[in-house]
Amino acid sequence: MITVGLTGWGDHDSLYLTKEASKNKLPTYSSLFPAVEVDSSFYAIQSRRNMEKWTDETPDNFRFLVKAYQGMTGHTRGKIPFNSEEEMFEAFRLSISTMAKANKLMAALFQFPPWFDCTKENVNTLRRIRERMGEYPCALEFRHQSWFTSQMRDRTLNFMRQEKWIHSVCDEPQAGTGSVPIVEEATDRRLTVVRMHGRNTAGWNSAGQPNWREVRYLYRYNEDELAEWAARLQRLEQSSDEVCIIFNNNSAGDAADNARQLMHMLGQHLPEIPQEKQPEAEQLDLFDM
């Protein structure tokens, strides 16, 4: 099974063309896609109240890929707003427990920063995190090339299989050590995640510049690029029961269009985006000369 979704549900204007859709974005989104990546959890561990609300607003078969809080992946590089790491992980586990109990948690996504390279210390960090997360499914995404050099690629993948990490495969610009190549491998029979970050090489290393987040993911995949991914997804599907592809190239609103384009290529049902109905008088005037 191939599942297609987007990062977040709030910023995809092309999906919310009616007043009702704009007021009820998540219910509208979940009528169009079967999955979403929750990225607000990266900036702050979400309250159970939020998680319960989102769980209740979506269909029974809808699922969430919840991004791990930045303090858990070393992005903060400073003091975490918790008394201890254990307290931080406990808060995150409690946050995602509502979705897990409702069978709507796809996985917790641990995306590590570009400075998290392949060292013994960092391998031990991954072991410690996986132990703290217990039975919750966890996906792992790297941003440093050292994990996938010719010498380390197979060892990294074997480690992920042994430690029960779900592979988050990346499509991103090849822009130095702070990016990883496409590694078309599954590490878990149940699930493989694919995240489409775009291929804006010039914007990838723009961190620290004004509006860098808007620049980094500014990219629209063309038909040939999506066709290549359709074939990859079908190959990955042979070694994972589910392959979930998440489009993150939303700086200019391209993610939703690309996702629906791929769904069409895969022969999947493409729900209609809600449109405002024209008043009857306007409809009658359509044929007037």
Protein backbone atom coordinates (compact mmCIF):
# COMPACT_ATOMS: atom_id res chain seq x y z
CA MET A 1 0.00 0.00 0.00
CA ILE A 2 1.23 3.47 -0.93
CA THR A 3 -0.03 6.37 1.20
CA VAL A 4 0.35 9.99 0.07
CA GLY A 5 0.24 13.00 2.41
CA LEU A 6 1.63 16.44 3.18
CA THR A 7 3.58 18.17 5.92
CA GLY A 8 0.96 19.90 8.06
CA TRP A 9 -2.57 20.78 7.02
CA GLY A 10 -2.74 24.52 7.61
CA ASP A 11 -0.73 26.09 4.78
CA HIS A 12 -2.11 24.43 1.66
CA ASP A 13 -4.35 27.18 0.31
CA SER A 14 -5.27 25.31 -2.87
CA LEU A 15 -7.20 22.78 -0.74
CA TYR A 16 -9.38 25.29 1.09
CA LEU A 17 -11.44 27.11 -1.53
CA THR A 18 -14.67 27.43 0.45
CA LYS A 19 -15.44 29.24 3.70
CA GLU A 20 -16.38 25.94 5.30
CA ALA A 21 -13.09 24.33 4.26
CA SER A 22 -11.08 27.30 5.56
CA LYS A 23 -12.81 27.06 8.94
CA ASN A 24 -12.36 23.29 9.18
CA LYS A 25 -8.98 22.64 7.61
CA LEU A 26 -8.09 19.31 9.20
CA PRO A 27 -11.48 17.67 8.49
CA THR A 28 -11.24 18.96 4.91
CA TYR A 29 -7.63 17.82 4.56
CA SER A 30 -8.44 14.35 5.90
CA SER A 31 -11.17 13.97 3.28
CA LEU A 32 -8.52 14.48 0.58
CA PHE A 33 -5.48 12.61 1.98
CA PRO A 34 -5.13 9.55 4.25
CA ALA A 35 -2.12 10.80 6.26
CA VAL A 36 -0.33 13.94 7.45
CA GLU A 37 2.95 14.85 9.09
CA VAL A 38 2.50 16.85 12.30
CA ASP A 39 5.39 19.32 12.31
CA SER A 40 4.16 21.63 15.11
CA SER A 41 5.37 18.94 17.53
CA PHE A 42 8.95 19.73 16.48
CA TYR A 43 8.69 23.21 18.00
CA ALA A 44 6.73 22.22 21.12
CA ILE A 45 5.44 18.93 22.49
CA GLN A 46 1.73 19.11 21.82
CA SER A 47 -0.81 18.89 24.61
CA ARG A 48 -3.03 15.84 24.89
CA ARG A 49 -5.96 18.19 24.33
CA ASN A 50 -4.63 19.12 20.87
CA MET A 51 -3.86 15.51 20.01
CA GLU A 52 -7.32 14.39 21.11
CA LYS A 53 -8.96 17.15 19.07
CA TRP A 54 -7.01 16.22 15.93
CA THR A 55 -7.71 12.54 16.49
CA ASP A 56 -11.45 13.19 16.84
CA GLU A 57 -11.60 15.41 13.73
CA THR A 58 -10.30 12.74 11.34
CA PRO A 59 -11.73 9.51 9.86
CA ASP A 60 -11.04 6.15 11.50
CA ASN A 61 -8.47 5.16 8.86
CA PHE A 62 -6.56 8.46 8.95
CA ARG A 63 -3.06 8.47 10.47
CA PHE A 64 -0.49 10.93 11.77
CA LEU A 65 3.29 10.94 11.37
CA VAL A 66 4.35 13.00 14.39
CA LYS A 67 7.68 14.80 14.21
CA ALA A 68 9.79 14.44 17.36
CA TYR A 69 10.39 17.52 19.48
CA GLN A 70 13.62 19.36 18.58
CA GLY A 71 15.07 18.87 22.06
CA MET A 72 14.95 15.11 21.50
CA THR A 73 16.99 15.30 18.29
CA GLY A 74 19.64 17.81 19.36
CA HIS A 75 18.41 20.72 17.28
CA THR A 76 18.12 23.05 20.26
CA ARG A 77 21.86 22.90 21.14
CA GLY A 78 21.01 24.37 24.53
CA LYS A 79 19.05 23.80 27.69
CA ILE A 80 15.78 21.97 27.17
CA PRO A 81 12.63 23.28 28.93
CA PHE A 82 12.39 20.12 31.04
CA ASN A 83 14.08 19.02 34.23
CA SER A 84 15.60 16.00 32.49
CA GLU A 85 15.72 14.13 29.21
CA GLU A 86 13.55 11.40 30.71
CA GLU A 87 10.88 13.96 31.61
CA MET A 88 11.01 15.30 28.04
CA PHE A 89 10.57 11.85 26.52
CA GLU A 90 7.82 11.01 28.96
CA ALA A 91 5.95 14.16 27.91
CA PHE A 92 6.30 13.24 24.25
CA ARG A 93 5.15 9.66 24.81
CA LEU A 94 2.12 10.95 26.71
CA SER A 95 1.38 13.39 23.88
CA ILE A 96 1.29 10.70 21.17
CA SER A 97 -0.49 8.12 23.33
CA THR A 98 -3.94 9.41 22.33
CA MET A 99 -3.26 8.82 18.65
CA ALA A 100 -1.67 5.45 19.37
CA LYS A 101 -4.70 4.25 21.34
CA ALA A 102 -6.96 5.28 18.45
CA ASN A 103 -4.72 3.42 15.96
CA LYS A 104 -4.01 6.72 14.23
CA LEU A 105 -0.29 6.99 15.01
CA MET A 106 1.74 6.00 11.98
CA ALA A 107 5.08 6.68 13.69
CA ALA A 108 7.12 9.25 15.55
CA LEU A 109 9.59 10.83 13.12
CA PHE A 110 13.08 11.57 14.41
CA GLN A 111 14.84 13.85 11.94
CA PHE A 112 18.38 14.65 13.05
CA PRO A 113 20.31 17.84 12.21
CA PRO A 114 23.14 18.17 9.68
CA TRP A 115 25.76 18.10 12.45
CA PHE A 116 24.56 14.69 13.72
CA ASP A 117 27.22 12.62 11.98
CA CYS A 118 28.10 8.94 12.05
CA THR A 119 30.06 8.52 15.29
CA LYS A 120 29.99 5.96 18.08
CA GLU A 121 28.56 8.58 20.44
CA ASN A 122 25.69 9.30 18.08
CA VAL A 123 25.03 5.61 17.45
CA ASN A 124 24.68 5.21 21.22
CA THR A 125 22.32 8.21 21.27
CA LEU A 126 20.10 6.44 18.75
CA ARG A 127 20.10 3.28 20.87
CA ARG A 128 19.14 5.29 23.95
CA ILE A 129 16.32 7.10 22.14
CA ARG A 130 14.93 3.89 20.72
CA GLU A 131 14.92 2.33 24.18
CA ARG A 132 13.13 5.35 25.65
CA MET A 133 10.43 5.20 22.98
CA GLY A 134 9.55 1.63 23.91
CA GLU A 135 6.96 0.01 21.63
CA TYR A 136 6.06 3.19 19.76
CA PRO A 137 6.97 2.94 16.05
CA CYS A 138 9.82 5.34 15.24
CA ALA A 139 11.12 6.57 11.90
CA LEU A 140 14.68 7.80 11.49
CA GLU A 141 15.94 10.47 9.06
CA PHE A 142 19.53 11.62 8.72
CA ARG A 143 20.87 14.90 7.36
CA HIS A 144 24.59 14.04 7.29
CA GLN A 145 26.16 12.11 4.41
CA SER A 146 28.51 10.14 6.68
CA TRP A 147 25.73 7.65 7.50
CA PHE A 148 25.47 6.61 3.86
CA THR A 149 29.02 6.61 2.52
CA SER A 150 29.99 3.49 0.59
CA GLN A 151 31.71 2.16 3.73
CA MET A 152 28.82 2.88 6.13
CA ARG A 153 25.63 2.54 4.08
CA ASP A 154 24.96 -1.17 4.72
CA ARG A 155 26.10 -0.95 8.33
CA THR A 156 23.73 1.96 8.95
CA LEU A 157 20.78 0.11 7.40
CA ASN A 158 21.55 -3.09 9.33
CA PHE A 159 21.75 -1.10 12.56
CA MET A 160 18.35 0.43 11.83
CA ARG A 161 16.86 -3.04 11.26
CA GLN A 162 18.34 -4.39 14.48
CA GLU A 163 17.15 -1.42 16.55
CA LYS A 164 13.68 -1.35 14.92
CA TRP A 165 14.06 2.03 13.26
CA ILE A 166 11.78 2.70 10.29
CA HIS A 167 13.72 4.23 7.42
CA SER A 168 12.73 7.74 6.35
CA VAL A 169 14.01 7.92 2.76
CA CYS A 170 14.78 11.45 1.55
CA ASP A 171 14.53 13.25 -1.73
CA GLU A 172 16.53 16.41 -1.19
CA PRO A 173 19.23 18.54 -2.89
CA GLN A 174 22.71 17.08 -2.95
CA ALA A 175 24.34 20.11 -1.38
CA GLY A 176 27.36 18.95 0.59
CA THR A 177 27.70 16.93 3.77
CA GLY A 178 24.47 18.30 5.23
CA SER A 179 22.30 16.29 2.86
CA VAL A 180 21.82 12.59 2.13
CA PRO A 181 21.31 10.71 -1.13
CA ILE A 182 18.20 8.74 -2.02
CA VAL A 183 18.69 5.39 -0.29
CA GLU A 184 16.00 3.11 -1.66
CA GLU A 185 15.91 0.57 1.17
CA ALA A 186 13.32 -0.54 3.70
CA THR A 187 14.36 -1.40 7.25
CA ASP A 188 10.94 -2.40 8.62
CA ARG A 189 8.42 -4.77 7.08
CA ARG A 190 5.49 -2.70 8.32
CA LEU A 191 6.38 0.77 7.05
CA THR A 192 8.79 2.88 5.03
CA VAL A 193 8.53 6.68 5.05
CA VAL A 194 9.56 8.88 2.12
CA ARG A 195 9.88 12.65 2.55
CA MET A 196 10.01 14.93 -0.48
CA HIS A 197 11.97 18.06 0.40
CA GLY A 198 12.43 19.36 -3.14
CA ARG A 199 15.66 19.84 -5.08
CA ASN A 200 16.45 23.50 -4.52
CA THR A 201 20.21 23.14 -4.22
CA ALA A 202 20.87 26.88 -3.92
CA GLY A 203 18.37 27.26 -1.10
CA TRP A 204 19.23 24.13 0.88
CA ASN A 205 22.12 25.67 2.81
CA SER A 206 20.36 28.99 3.44
CA ALA A 207 19.88 28.51 7.22
CA GLY A 208 20.53 31.74 9.08
CA GLN A 209 19.47 33.94 6.18
CA PRO A 210 16.17 35.89 6.22
CA ASN A 211 13.17 33.69 5.38
CA TRP A 212 15.45 30.67 4.94
CA ARG A 213 12.65 28.16 5.58
CA GLU A 214 10.65 29.65 2.73
CA VAL A 215 13.65 29.40 0.42
CA ARG A 216 14.82 25.89 1.35
CA TYR A 217 11.65 24.07 0.28
CA LEU A 218 10.90 26.20 -2.79
CA TYR A 219 10.55 23.56 -5.49
CA ARG A 220 7.95 21.97 -7.77
CA TYR A 221 8.56 18.41 -8.96
CA ASN A 222 8.03 17.87 -12.67
CA GLU A 223 6.21 14.93 -14.21
CA ASP A 224 9.38 12.96 -15.01
CA GLU A 225 10.65 13.31 -11.42
CA LEU A 226 7.33 12.13 -10.04
CA ALA A 227 7.26 9.22 -12.49
CA GLU A 228 10.69 8.14 -11.19
CA TRP A 229 9.30 8.20 -7.66
CA ALA A 230 6.19 6.26 -8.63
CA ALA A 231 8.49 3.45 -9.76
CA ARG A 232 10.61 3.69 -6.60
CA LEU A 233 7.54 3.55 -4.38
CA GLN A 234 6.33 0.42 -6.13
CA ARG A 235 9.72 -1.21 -5.59
CA LEU A 236 9.75 -0.21 -1.91
CA GLU A 237 6.24 -1.60 -1.59
CA GLN A 238 7.66 -5.06 -2.24
CA SER A 239 9.60 -4.92 1.05
CA SER A 240 7.19 -2.85 3.20
CA ASP A 241 3.49 -3.37 3.78
CA GLU A 242 3.03 0.40 3.59
CA VAL A 243 5.08 3.15 1.99
CA CYS A 244 4.03 6.63 3.12
CA ILE A 245 5.28 9.52 1.00
CA ILE A 246 5.08 13.01 2.51
CA PHE A 247 5.51 16.14 0.37
CA ASN A 248 7.37 18.88 2.24
CA ASN A 249 8.01 21.22 -0.74
CA ASN A 250 5.45 23.80 0.30
CA SER A 251 7.28 27.12 0.24
CA ALA A 252 5.21 28.18 -2.78
CA GLY A 253 2.24 25.87 -2.27
CA ASP A 254 3.53 23.11 -4.54
CA ALA A 255 3.21 20.18 -2.12
CA ALA A 256 -0.53 19.59 -2.47
CA ASP A 257 -0.47 19.81 -6.26
CA ASN A 258 2.51 17.45 -6.53
CA ALA A 259 0.92 14.97 -4.09
CA ARG A 260 -2.34 14.85 -6.04
CA GLN A 261 -0.40 14.55 -9.30
CA LEU A 262 1.44 11.53 -7.91
CA MET A 263 -1.79 9.97 -6.64
CA HIS A 264 -3.18 10.24 -10.17
CA MET A 265 -0.04 8.61 -11.60
CA LEU A 266 -0.42 5.74 -9.13
CA GLY A 267 -4.04 5.21 -10.17
CA GLN A 268 -5.35 6.17 -6.73
CA HIS A 269 -8.76 7.68 -6.08
CA LEU A 270 -8.48 11.46 -6.22
CA PRO A 271 -11.18 13.10 -4.05
CA GLU A 272 -12.57 16.37 -5.39
CA ILE A 273 -11.44 19.55 -3.66
CA PRO A 274 -14.54 21.35 -2.26
CA GLN A 275 -15.58 24.30 -4.41
CA GLU A 276 -17.97 27.17 -3.74
CA LYS A 277 -21.24 26.56 -5.60
CA GLN A 278 -22.27 29.23 -8.05
CA PRO A 279 -25.63 30.89 -7.34
CA GLU A 280 -28.35 29.51 -9.58
CA ALA A 281 -28.85 32.87 -11.34
CA GLU A 282 -25.16 32.96 -12.28
CA GLN A 283 -25.37 29.43 -13.65
CA LEU A 284 -28.32 30.36 -15.87
CA ASP A 285 -26.34 33.30 -17.25
CA LEU A 286 -23.45 31.08 -18.36
CA PHE A 287 -25.02 30.51 -21.79
CA ASP A 288 -26.13 34.09 -22.43
CA MET A 289 -24.43 35.89 -25.30
